[in-house]
């Protein structure tokens, strides 16, 4: 595991990601967070599970505070994906309807 200040991590984030190694991030000498590459084989499944559980709990809490249902979130993702696909096709000058 590597160690970095928030400033260092922010400045060199892409380098840390390419190294595919976990990074403990410190703010004012105290732990502020941990970056765990998704594909990092050096990180135990237990650590990944704990990180995902914490993330899910945070998202659920924020959804509840804002009064947003899980269905609304899923609908937003579906709309985003559909819109993104449309933008990608337009960016490359192609449209599925034109090719048919």
PDB file of N, CA and C in Angstrom:
ATOM      1  N   UNK A   1       0.848  -1.179   0.000  1.00  0.00           N
ATOM      2  CA  UNK A   1       0.000   0.000   0.000  1.00  0.00           C
ATOM      3  C   UNK A   1       0.887   1.233   0.000  1.00  0.00           C
ATOM      4  N   UNK A   2       0.488   2.193  -0.831  1.00  0.00           N
ATOM      5  CA  UNK A   2       1.218   3.454  -0.869  1.00  0.00           C
ATOM      6  C   UNK A   2       0.508   4.469   0.021  1.00  0.00           C
ATOM      7  N   UNK A   3       1.215   5.562   0.316  1.00  0.00           N
ATOM      8  CA  UNK A   3       0.665   6.622   1.157  1.00  0.00           C
ATOM      9  C   UNK A   3       0.849   7.945   0.438  1.00  0.00           C
ATOM     10  N   UNK A   4      -0.167   8.808   0.530  1.00  0.00           N
ATOM     11  CA  UNK A   4      -0.096  10.103  -0.148  1.00  0.00           C
ATOM     12  C   UNK A   4      -0.961  11.113   0.591  1.00  0.00           C
ATOM     13  N   UNK A   5      -0.563  12.372   0.495  1.00  0.00           N
ATOM     14  CA  UNK A   5      -1.419  13.446   1.026  1.00  0.00           C
ATOM     15  C   UNK A   5      -2.552  13.664   0.033  1.00  0.00           C
ATOM     16  N   UNK A   6      -3.596  14.344   0.454  1.00  0.00           N
ATOM     17  CA  UNK A   6      -4.714  14.644  -0.438  1.00  0.00           C
ATOM     18  C   UNK A   6      -4.196  15.404  -1.658  1.00  0.00           C
ATOM     19  N   UNK A   7      -3.358  16.389  -1.422  1.00  0.00           N
ATOM     20  CA  UNK A   7      -2.820  17.199  -2.523  1.00  0.00           C
ATOM     21  C   UNK A   7      -2.022  16.326  -3.501  1.00  0.00           C
ATOM     22  N   UNK A   8      -1.163  15.466  -2.956  1.00  0.00           N
ATOM     23  CA  UNK A   8      -0.358  14.586  -3.804  1.00  0.00           C
ATOM     24  C   UNK A   8      -1.252  13.625  -4.600  1.00  0.00           C
ATOM     25  N   UNK A   9      -2.255  13.061  -3.940  1.00  0.00           N
ATOM     26  CA  UNK A   9      -3.146  12.136  -4.628  1.00  0.00           C
ATOM     27  C   UNK A   9      -3.907  12.851  -5.741  1.00  0.00           C
ATOM     28  N   UNK A  10      -4.389  14.050  -5.438  1.00  0.00           N
ATOM     29  CA  UNK A  10      -5.131  14.820  -6.434  1.00  0.00           C
ATOM     30  C   UNK A  10      -4.250  15.148  -7.636  1.00  0.00           C
ATOM     31  N   UNK A  11      -3.029  15.579  -7.368  1.00  0.00           N
ATOM     32  CA  UNK A  11      -2.111  15.977  -8.430  1.00  0.00           C
ATOM     33  C   UNK A  11      -1.683  14.799  -9.297  1.00  0.00           C
ATOM     34  N   UNK A  12      -1.511  13.634  -8.665  1.00  0.00           N
ATOM     35  CA  UNK A  12      -0.963  12.473  -9.379  1.00  0.00           C
ATOM     36  C   UNK A  12      -1.962  11.310  -9.459  1.00  0.00           C
ATOM     37  N   UNK A  13      -3.245  11.609  -9.438  1.00  0.00           N
ATOM     38  CA  UNK A  13      -4.270  10.555  -9.416  1.00  0.00           C
ATOM     39  C   UNK A  13      -4.115   9.563 -10.557  1.00  0.00           C
ATOM     40  N   UNK A  14      -3.896  10.045 -11.766  1.00  0.00           N
ATOM     41  CA  UNK A  14      -3.786   9.131 -12.908  1.00  0.00           C
ATOM     42  C   UNK A  14      -2.600   8.184 -12.755  1.00  0.00           C
ATOM     43  N   UNK A  15      -1.506   8.669 -12.170  1.00  0.00           N
ATOM     44  CA  UNK A  15      -0.350   7.798 -11.933  1.00  0.00           C
ATOM     45  C   UNK A  15      -0.678   6.717 -10.903  1.00  0.00           C
ATOM     46  N   UNK A  16      -1.362   7.106  -9.832  1.00  0.00           N
ATOM     47  CA  UNK A  16      -1.749   6.124  -8.812  1.00  0.00           C
ATOM     48  C   UNK A  16      -2.676   5.072  -9.414  1.00  0.00           C
ATOM     49  N   UNK A  17      -3.584   5.480 -10.272  1.00  0.00           N
ATOM     50  CA  UNK A  17      -4.515   4.543 -10.895  1.00  0.00           C
ATOM     51  C   UNK A  17      -3.761   3.566 -11.790  1.00  0.00           C
ATOM     52  N   UNK A  18      -2.807   4.063 -12.564  1.00  0.00           N
ATOM     53  CA  UNK A  18      -2.034   3.185 -13.450  1.00  0.00           C
ATOM     54  C   UNK A  18      -1.207   2.165 -12.678  1.00  0.00           C
ATOM     55  N   UNK A  19      -0.736   2.531 -11.497  1.00  0.00           N
ATOM     56  CA  UNK A  19       0.083   1.610 -10.704  1.00  0.00           C
ATOM     57  C   UNK A  19      -0.724   0.428 -10.175  1.00  0.00           C
ATOM     58  N   UNK A  20      -2.025   0.587 -10.111  1.00  0.00           N
ATOM     59  CA  UNK A  20      -2.922  -0.471  -9.638  1.00  0.00           C
ATOM     60  C   UNK A  20      -2.537  -0.968  -8.251  1.00  0.00           C
ATOM     61  N   UNK A  21      -2.242  -0.027  -7.377  1.00  0.00           N
ATOM     62  CA  UNK A  21      -1.905  -0.356  -5.996  1.00  0.00           C
ATOM     63  C   UNK A  21      -2.759   0.510  -5.066  1.00  0.00           C
ATOM     64  N   UNK A  22      -3.174  -0.063  -3.950  1.00  0.00           N
ATOM     65  CA  UNK A  22      -3.992   0.683  -2.990  1.00  0.00           C
ATOM     66  C   UNK A  22      -3.194   1.867  -2.439  1.00  0.00           C
ATOM     67  N   UNK A  23      -3.906   2.978  -2.180  1.00  0.00           N
ATOM     68  CA  UNK A  23      -3.263   4.186  -1.663  1.00  0.00           C
ATOM     69  C   UNK A  23      -4.053   4.681  -0.453  1.00  0.00           C
ATOM     70  N   UNK A  24      -3.373   4.859   0.673  1.00  0.00           N
ATOM     71  CA  UNK A  24      -3.977   5.474   1.855  1.00  0.00           C
ATOM     72  C   UNK A  24      -3.740   6.969   1.719  1.00  0.00           C
ATOM     73  N   UNK A  25      -4.827   7.749   1.739  1.00  0.00           N
ATOM     74  CA  UNK A  25      -4.740   9.194   1.542  1.00  0.00           C
ATOM     75  C   UNK A  25      -4.900   9.884   2.897  1.00  0.00           C
ATOM     76  N   UNK A  26      -3.988  10.814   3.167  1.00  0.00           N
ATOM     77  CA  UNK A  26      -3.974  11.518   4.450  1.00  0.00           C
ATOM     78  C   UNK A  26      -4.286  12.997   4.269  1.00  0.00           C
ATOM     79  N   UNK A  27      -5.020  13.555   5.248  1.00  0.00           N
ATOM     80  CA  UNK A  27      -5.288  14.986   5.308  1.00  0.00           C
ATOM     81  C   UNK A  27      -4.800  15.462   6.670  1.00  0.00           C
ATOM     82  N   UNK A  28      -3.891  16.394   6.672  1.00  0.00           N
ATOM     83  CA  UNK A  28      -3.303  16.916   7.917  1.00  0.00           C
ATOM     84  C   UNK A  28      -2.749  15.794   8.795  1.00  0.00           C
ATOM     85  N   UNK A  29      -2.125  14.821   8.160  1.00  0.00           N
ATOM     86  CA  UNK A  29      -1.496  13.725   8.890  1.00  0.00           C
ATOM     87  C   UNK A  29      -2.438  12.652   9.398  1.00  0.00           C
ATOM     88  N   UNK A  30      -3.738  12.783   9.085  1.00  0.00           N
ATOM     89  CA  UNK A  30      -4.718  11.787   9.537  1.00  0.00           C
ATOM     90  C   UNK A  30      -5.333  11.103   8.321  1.00  0.00           C
ATOM     91  N   UNK A  31      -5.652   9.820   8.430  1.00  0.00           N
ATOM     92  CA  UNK A  31      -6.256   9.117   7.294  1.00  0.00           C
ATOM     93  C   UNK A  31      -7.551   9.790   6.852  1.00  0.00           C
ATOM     94  N   UNK A  32      -7.659  10.028   5.552  1.00  0.00           N
ATOM     95  CA  UNK A  32      -8.851  10.663   4.998  1.00  0.00           C
ATOM     96  C   UNK A  32      -9.607   9.708   4.084  1.00  0.00           C
ATOM     97  N   UNK A  33      -8.924   8.701   3.582  1.00  0.00           N
ATOM     98  CA  UNK A  33      -9.583   7.757   2.681  1.00  0.00           C
ATOM     99  C   UNK A  33      -8.585   6.779   2.112  1.00  0.00           C
ATOM    100  N   UNK A  34      -9.131   5.832   1.380  1.00  0.00           N
ATOM    101  CA  UNK A  34      -8.299   4.813   0.746  1.00  0.00           C
ATOM    102  C   UNK A  34      -8.756   4.672  -0.693  1.00  0.00           C
ATOM    103  N   UNK A  35      -7.805   4.677  -1.599  1.00  0.00           N
ATOM    104  CA  UNK A  35      -8.092   4.398  -2.996  1.00  0.00           C
ATOM    105  C   UNK A  35      -7.732   2.943  -3.239  1.00  0.00           C
ATOM    106  N   UNK A  36      -8.716   2.176  -3.713  1.00  0.00           N
ATOM    107  CA  UNK A  36      -8.481   0.766  -3.993  1.00  0.00           C
ATOM    108  C   UNK A  36      -8.799   0.517  -5.459  1.00  0.00           C
ATOM    109  N   UNK A  37      -7.786   0.233  -6.275  1.00  0.00           N
ATOM    110  CA  UNK A  37      -8.060  -0.069  -7.681  1.00  0.00           C
ATOM    111  C   UNK A  37      -8.970  -1.294  -7.781  1.00  0.00           C
ATOM    112  N   UNK A  38      -9.957  -1.221  -8.625  1.00  0.00           N
ATOM    113  CA  UNK A  38     -10.928  -2.301  -8.721  1.00  0.00           C
ATOM    114  C   UNK A  38     -10.266  -3.608  -9.131  1.00  0.00           C
ATOM    115  N   UNK A  39      -9.267  -3.538  -9.977  1.00  0.00           N
ATOM    116  CA  UNK A  39      -8.628  -4.741 -10.494  1.00  0.00           C
ATOM    117  C   UNK A  39      -7.408  -5.155  -9.683  1.00  0.00           C
ATOM    118  N   UNK A  40      -7.171  -4.507  -8.560  1.00  0.00           N
ATOM    119  CA  UNK A  40      -5.985  -4.794  -7.756  1.00  0.00           C
ATOM    120  C   UNK A  40      -6.089  -6.180  -7.124  1.00  0.00           C
ATOM    121  N   UNK A  41      -5.233  -7.069  -7.552  1.00  0.00           N
ATOM    122  CA  UNK A  41      -5.278  -8.431  -7.007  1.00  0.00           C
ATOM    123  C   UNK A  41      -4.641  -8.509  -5.624  1.00  0.00           C
ATOM    124  N   UNK A  42      -3.973  -7.444  -5.195  1.00  0.00           N
ATOM    125  CA  UNK A  42      -3.324  -7.449  -3.884  1.00  0.00           C
ATOM    126  C   UNK A  42      -4.278  -7.095  -2.751  1.00  0.00           C
ATOM    127  N   UNK A  43      -5.498  -6.705  -3.085  1.00  0.00           N
ATOM    128  CA  UNK A  43      -6.467  -6.314  -2.069  1.00  0.00           C
ATOM    129  C   UNK A  43      -7.404  -7.492  -1.804  1.00  0.00           C
ATOM    130  N   UNK A  44      -7.537  -7.849  -0.548  1.00  0.00           N
ATOM    131  CA  UNK A  44      -8.406  -8.953  -0.166  1.00  0.00           C
ATOM    132  C   UNK A  44      -9.849  -8.656  -0.536  1.00  0.00           C
ATOM    133  N   UNK A  45     -10.588  -9.721  -0.807  1.00  0.00           N
ATOM    134  CA  UNK A  45     -12.012  -9.565  -1.100  1.00  0.00           C
ATOM    135  C   UNK A  45     -12.740  -8.925   0.070  1.00  0.00           C
ATOM    136  N   UNK A  46     -12.281  -9.194   1.278  1.00  0.00           N
ATOM    137  CA  UNK A  46     -12.915  -8.600   2.458  1.00  0.00           C
ATOM    138  C   UNK A  46     -12.812  -7.084   2.426  1.00  0.00           C
ATOM    139  N   UNK A  47     -11.677  -6.562   1.991  1.00  0.00           N
ATOM    140  CA  UNK A  47     -11.487  -5.114   1.905  1.00  0.00           C
ATOM    141  C   UNK A  47     -12.416  -4.550   0.839  1.00  0.00           C
ATOM    142  N   UNK A  48     -12.503  -5.228  -0.300  1.00  0.00           N
ATOM    143  CA  UNK A  48     -13.406  -4.770  -1.362  1.00  0.00           C
ATOM    144  C   UNK A  48     -14.846  -4.770  -0.872  1.00  0.00           C
ATOM    145  N   UNK A  49     -15.246  -5.860  -0.195  1.00  0.00           N
ATOM    146  CA  UNK A  49     -16.614  -5.947   0.316  1.00  0.00           C
ATOM    147  C   UNK A  49     -16.894  -4.813   1.294  1.00  0.00           C
ATOM    148  N   UNK A  50     -15.943  -4.554   2.187  1.00  0.00           N
ATOM    149  CA  UNK A  50     -16.127  -3.483   3.179  1.00  0.00           C
ATOM    150  C   UNK A  50     -16.268  -2.136   2.485  1.00  0.00           C
ATOM    151  N   UNK A  51     -15.450  -1.893   1.468  1.00  0.00           N
ATOM    152  CA  UNK A  51     -15.522  -0.630   0.734  1.00  0.00           C
ATOM    153  C   UNK A  51     -16.866  -0.503   0.020  1.00  0.00           C
ATOM    154  N   UNK A  52     -17.320  -1.588  -0.613  1.00  0.00           N
ATOM    155  CA  UNK A  52     -18.606  -1.546  -1.312  1.00  0.00           C
ATOM    156  C   UNK A  52     -19.768  -1.375  -0.340  1.00  0.00           C
ATOM    157  N   UNK A  53     -19.703  -2.045   0.807  1.00  0.00           N
ATOM    158  CA  UNK A  53     -20.764  -1.889   1.809  1.00  0.00           C
ATOM    159  C   UNK A  53     -20.843  -0.441   2.284  1.00  0.00           C
ATOM    160  N   UNK A  54     -19.684   0.171   2.526  1.00  0.00           N
ATOM    161  CA  UNK A  54     -19.666   1.566   2.969  1.00  0.00           C
ATOM    162  C   UNK A  54     -20.237   2.477   1.893  1.00  0.00           C
ATOM    163  N   UNK A  55     -19.889   2.217   0.646  1.00  0.00           N
ATOM    164  CA  UNK A  55     -20.398   3.029  -0.463  1.00  0.00           C
ATOM    165  C   UNK A  55     -21.906   2.865  -0.611  1.00  0.00           C
ATOM    166  N   UNK A  56     -22.378   1.632  -0.558  1.00  0.00           N
ATOM    167  CA  UNK A  56     -23.817   1.381  -0.678  1.00  0.00           C
ATOM    168  C   UNK A  56     -24.583   2.061   0.453  1.00  0.00           C
ATOM    169  N   UNK A  57     -24.054   1.980   1.674  1.00  0.00           N
ATOM    170  CA  UNK A  57     -24.710   2.613   2.816  1.00  0.00           C
ATOM    171  C   UNK A  57     -24.776   4.127   2.633  1.00  0.00           C
ATOM    172  N   UNK A  58     -23.692   4.720   2.128  1.00  0.00           N
ATOM    173  CA  UNK A  58     -23.665   6.172   1.916  1.00  0.00           C
ATOM    174  C   UNK A  58     -24.678   6.586   0.854  1.00  0.00           C
ATOM    175  N   UNK A  59     -24.723   5.837  -0.236  1.00  0.00           N
ATOM    176  CA  UNK A  59     -25.669   6.156  -1.307  1.00  0.00           C
ATOM    177  C   UNK A  59     -27.105   6.001  -0.811  1.00  0.00           C
ATOM    178  N   UNK A  60     -27.375   4.920  -0.068  1.00  0.00           N
ATOM    179  CA  UNK A  60     -28.733   4.699   0.466  1.00  0.00           C
ATOM    180  C   UNK A  60     -29.143   5.830   1.397  1.00  0.00           C
ATOM    181  N   UNK A  61     -28.220   6.274   2.229  1.00  0.00           N
ATOM    182  CA  UNK A  61     -28.520   7.365   3.163  1.00  0.00           C
ATOM    183  C   UNK A  61     -28.832   8.658   2.401  1.00  0.00           C
ATOM    184  N   UNK A  62     -28.021   8.949   1.394  1.00  0.00           N
ATOM    185  CA  UNK A  62     -28.246  10.159   0.605  1.00  0.00           C
ATOM    186  C   UNK A  62     -29.566  10.083  -0.162  1.00  0.00           C
ATOM    187  N   UNK A  63     -29.871   8.898  -0.707  1.00  0.00           N
ATOM    188  CA  UNK A  63     -31.152   8.725  -1.397  1.00  0.00           C
ATOM    189  C   UNK A  63     -32.316   8.977  -0.452  1.00  0.00           C
ATOM    190  N   UNK A  64     -32.210   8.408   0.743  1.00  0.00           N
ATOM    191  CA  UNK A  64     -33.284   8.562   1.729  1.00  0.00           C
ATOM    192  C   UNK A  64     -33.443  10.024   2.140  1.00  0.00           C
ATOM    193  N   UNK A  65     -32.327  10.702   2.377  1.00  0.00           N
ATOM    194  CA  UNK A  65     -32.377  12.108   2.781  1.00  0.00           C
ATOM    195  C   UNK A  65     -33.020  12.982   1.704  1.00  0.00           C
ATOM    196  N   UNK A  66     -32.799  12.612   0.448  1.00  0.00           N
ATOM    197  CA  UNK A  66     -33.332  13.408  -0.662  1.00  0.00           C
ATOM    198  C   UNK A  66     -34.687  12.909  -1.152  1.00  0.00           C
ATOM    199  N   UNK A  67     -35.153  11.798  -0.575  1.00  0.00           N
ATOM    200  CA  UNK A  67     -36.455  11.267  -0.959  1.00  0.00           C
ATOM    201  C   UNK A  67     -36.485  10.667  -2.351  1.00  0.00           C
ATOM    202  N   UNK A  68     -35.380  10.062  -2.756  1.00  0.00           N
ATOM    203  CA  UNK A  68     -35.280   9.473  -4.091  1.00  0.00           C
ATOM    204  C   UNK A  68     -35.382   7.951  -3.958  1.00  0.00           C
ATOM    205  N   UNK A  69     -36.220   7.343  -4.791  1.00  0.00           N
ATOM    206  CA  UNK A  69     -36.361   5.892  -4.738  1.00  0.00           C
ATOM    207  C   UNK A  69     -35.294   5.220  -5.607  1.00  0.00           C
ATOM    208  N   UNK A  70     -35.074   3.942  -5.344  1.00  0.00           N
ATOM    209  CA  UNK A  70     -34.121   3.182  -6.143  1.00  0.00           C
ATOM    210  C   UNK A  70     -34.584   3.108  -7.601  1.00  0.00           C
ATOM    211  N   UNK A  71     -35.885   2.996  -7.804  1.00  0.00           N
ATOM    212  CA  UNK A  71     -36.434   2.946  -9.155  1.00  0.00           C
ATOM    213  C   UNK A  71     -36.118   4.227  -9.925  1.00  0.00           C
ATOM    214  N   UNK A  72     -36.211   5.370  -9.245  1.00  0.00           N
ATOM    215  CA  UNK A  72     -35.885   6.643  -9.896  1.00  0.00           C
ATOM    216  C   UNK A  72     -34.417   6.692 -10.311  1.00  0.00           C
ATOM    217  N   UNK A  73     -33.563   6.170  -9.469  1.00  0.00           N
ATOM    218  CA  UNK A  73     -32.132   6.131  -9.797  1.00  0.00           C
ATOM    219  C   UNK A  73     -31.905   5.259 -11.024  1.00  0.00           C
ATOM    220  N   UNK A  74     -32.522   4.077 -11.048  1.00  0.00           N
ATOM    221  CA  UNK A  74     -32.362   3.173 -12.185  1.00  0.00           C
ATOM    222  C   UNK A  74     -32.905   3.785 -13.472  1.00  0.00           C
ATOM    223  N   UNK A  75     -34.013   4.494 -13.381  1.00  0.00           N
ATOM    224  CA  UNK A  75     -34.562   5.185 -14.550  1.00  0.00           C
ATOM    225  C   UNK A  75     -33.602   6.255 -15.053  1.00  0.00           C
ATOM    226  N   UNK A  76     -32.988   6.996 -14.122  1.00  0.00           N
ATOM    227  CA  UNK A  76     -32.014   8.022 -14.508  1.00  0.00           C
ATOM    228  C   UNK A  76     -30.813   7.404 -15.224  1.00  0.00           C
ATOM    229  N   UNK A  77     -30.330   6.272 -14.717  1.00  0.00           N
ATOM    230  CA  UNK A  77     -29.204   5.593 -15.375  1.00  0.00           C
ATOM    231  C   UNK A  77     -29.592   5.150 -16.779  1.00  0.00           C
ATOM    232  N   UNK A  78     -30.780   4.577 -16.925  1.00  0.00           N
ATOM    233  CA  UNK A  78     -31.230   4.115 -18.237  1.00  0.00           C
ATOM    234  C   UNK A  78     -31.322   5.289 -19.212  1.00  0.00           C
ATOM    235  N   UNK A  79     -31.871   6.406 -18.761  1.00  0.00           N
ATOM    236  CA  UNK A  79     -31.976   7.597 -19.601  1.00  0.00           C
ATOM    237  C   UNK A  79     -30.596   8.109 -19.983  1.00  0.00           C
ATOM    238  N   UNK A  80     -29.684   8.132 -19.009  1.00  0.00           N
ATOM    239  CA  UNK A  80     -28.325   8.596 -19.279  1.00  0.00           C
ATOM    240  C   UNK A  80     -27.658   7.728 -20.341  1.00  0.00           C
ATOM    241  N   UNK A  81     -27.764   6.402 -20.191  1.00  0.00           N
ATOM    242  CA  UNK A  81     -27.137   5.493 -21.164  1.00  0.00           C
ATOM    243  C   UNK A  81     -27.723   5.711 -22.560  1.00  0.00           C
ATOM    244  N   UNK A  82     -29.033   5.855 -22.631  1.00  0.00           N
ATOM    245  CA  UNK A  82     -29.687   6.060 -23.924  1.00  0.00           C
ATOM    246  C   UNK A  82     -29.208   7.363 -24.552  1.00  0.00           C
ATOM    247  N   UNK A  83     -29.159   8.425 -23.762  1.00  0.00           N
ATOM    248  CA  UNK A  83     -28.692   9.723 -24.267  1.00  0.00           C
ATOM    249  C   UNK A  83     -27.229   9.656 -24.686  1.00  0.00           C
ATOM    250  N   UNK A  84     -26.418   8.959 -23.904  1.00  0.00           N
ATOM    251  CA  UNK A  84     -24.991   8.850 -24.215  1.00  0.00           C
ATOM    252  C   UNK A  84     -24.792   8.130 -25.540  1.00  0.00           C
ATOM    253  N   UNK A  85     -25.527   7.044 -25.747  1.00  0.00           N
ATOM    254  CA  UNK A  85     -25.404   6.304 -27.015  1.00  0.00           C
ATOM    255  C   UNK A  85     -25.768   7.212 -28.187  1.00  0.00           C
ATOM    256  N   UNK A  86     -26.794   8.021 -28.012  1.00  0.00           N
ATOM    257  CA  UNK A  86     -27.188   8.939 -29.072  1.00  0.00           C
ATOM    258  C   UNK A  86     -26.107   9.961 -29.360  1.00  0.00           C
ATOM    259  N   UNK A  87     -25.474  10.487 -28.299  1.00  0.00           N
ATOM    260  CA  UNK A  87     -24.394  11.468 -28.483  1.00  0.00           C
ATOM    261  C   UNK A  87     -23.197  10.828 -29.173  1.00  0.00           C
ATOM    262  N   UNK A  88     -22.868   9.579 -28.816  1.00  0.00           N
ATOM    263  CA  UNK A  88     -21.720   8.898 -29.427  1.00  0.00           C
ATOM    264  C   UNK A  88     -21.953   8.704 -30.923  1.00  0.00           C
ATOM    265  N   UNK A  89     -23.166   8.296 -31.291  1.00  0.00           N
ATOM    266  CA  UNK A  89     -23.459   8.089 -32.708  1.00  0.00           C
ATOM    267  C   UNK A  89     -23.389   9.400 -33.472  1.00  0.00           C
ATOM    268  N   UNK A  90     -23.916  10.476 -32.892  1.00  0.00           N
ATOM    269  CA  UNK A  90     -23.870  11.782 -33.557  1.00  0.00           C
ATOM    270  C   UNK A  90     -22.429  12.284 -33.658  1.00  0.00           C
ATOM    271  N   UNK A  91     -21.609  12.008 -32.654  1.00  0.00           N
ATOM    272  CA  UNK A  91     -20.222  12.482 -32.658  1.00  0.00           C
ATOM    273  C   UNK A  91     -19.424  11.855 -33.790  1.00  0.00           C
ATOM    274  N   UNK A  92     -19.764  10.617 -34.142  1.00  0.00           N
ATOM    275  CA  UNK A  92     -19.039   9.935 -35.209  1.00  0.00           C
ATOM    276  C   UNK A  92     -19.731  10.072 -36.559  1.00  0.00           C
ATOM    277  N   UNK A  93     -20.781  10.883 -36.586  1.00  0.00           N
ATOM    278  CA  UNK A  93     -21.465  11.131 -37.839  1.00  0.00           C
ATOM    279  C   UNK A  93     -22.303   9.957 -38.313  1.00  0.00           C
ATOM    280  N   UNK A  94     -22.633   9.056 -37.406  1.00  0.00           N
ATOM    281  CA  UNK A  94     -23.453   7.906 -37.798  1.00  0.00           C
ATOM    282  C   UNK A  94     -24.712   7.881 -36.970  1.00  0.00           C
ATOM    283  N   UNK A  95     -25.698   7.333 -37.555  1.00  0.00           N
ATOM    284  CA  UNK A  95     -26.973   7.149 -36.867  1.00  0.00           C
ATOM    285  C   UNK A  95     -27.476   5.776 -37.294  1.00  0.00           C
ATOM    286  N   UNK A  96     -27.910   4.974 -36.369  1.00  0.00           N
ATOM    287  CA  UNK A  96     -28.360   3.630 -36.694  1.00  0.00           C
ATOM    288  C   UNK A  96     -29.479   3.657 -37.725  1.00  0.00           C
ATOM    289  N   UNK A  97     -30.342   4.640 -37.632  1.00  0.00           N
ATOM    290  CA  UNK A  97     -31.443   4.723 -38.580  1.00  0.00           C
ATOM    291  C   UNK A  97     -30.954   4.947 -39.999  1.00  0.00           C
ATOM    292  N   UNK A  98     -29.843   5.682 -40.170  1.00  0.00           N
ATOM    293  CA  UNK A  98     -29.300   5.943 -41.493  1.00  0.00           C
ATOM    294  C   UNK A  98     -28.701   4.694 -42.100  1.00  0.00           C
ATOM    295  N   UNK A  99     -28.161   3.802 -41.263  1.00  0.00           N
ATOM    296  CA  UNK A  99     -27.475   2.617 -41.784  1.00  0.00           C
ATOM    297  C   UNK A  99     -28.428   1.492 -42.131  1.00  0.00           C
ATOM    298  N   UNK A 100     -29.698   1.645 -41.805  1.00  0.00           N
ATOM    299  CA  UNK A 100     -30.677   0.577 -42.077  1.00  0.00           C
ATOM    300  C   UNK A 100     -31.240   0.688 -43.465  1.00  0.00           C
TER     301      UNK A 100
END
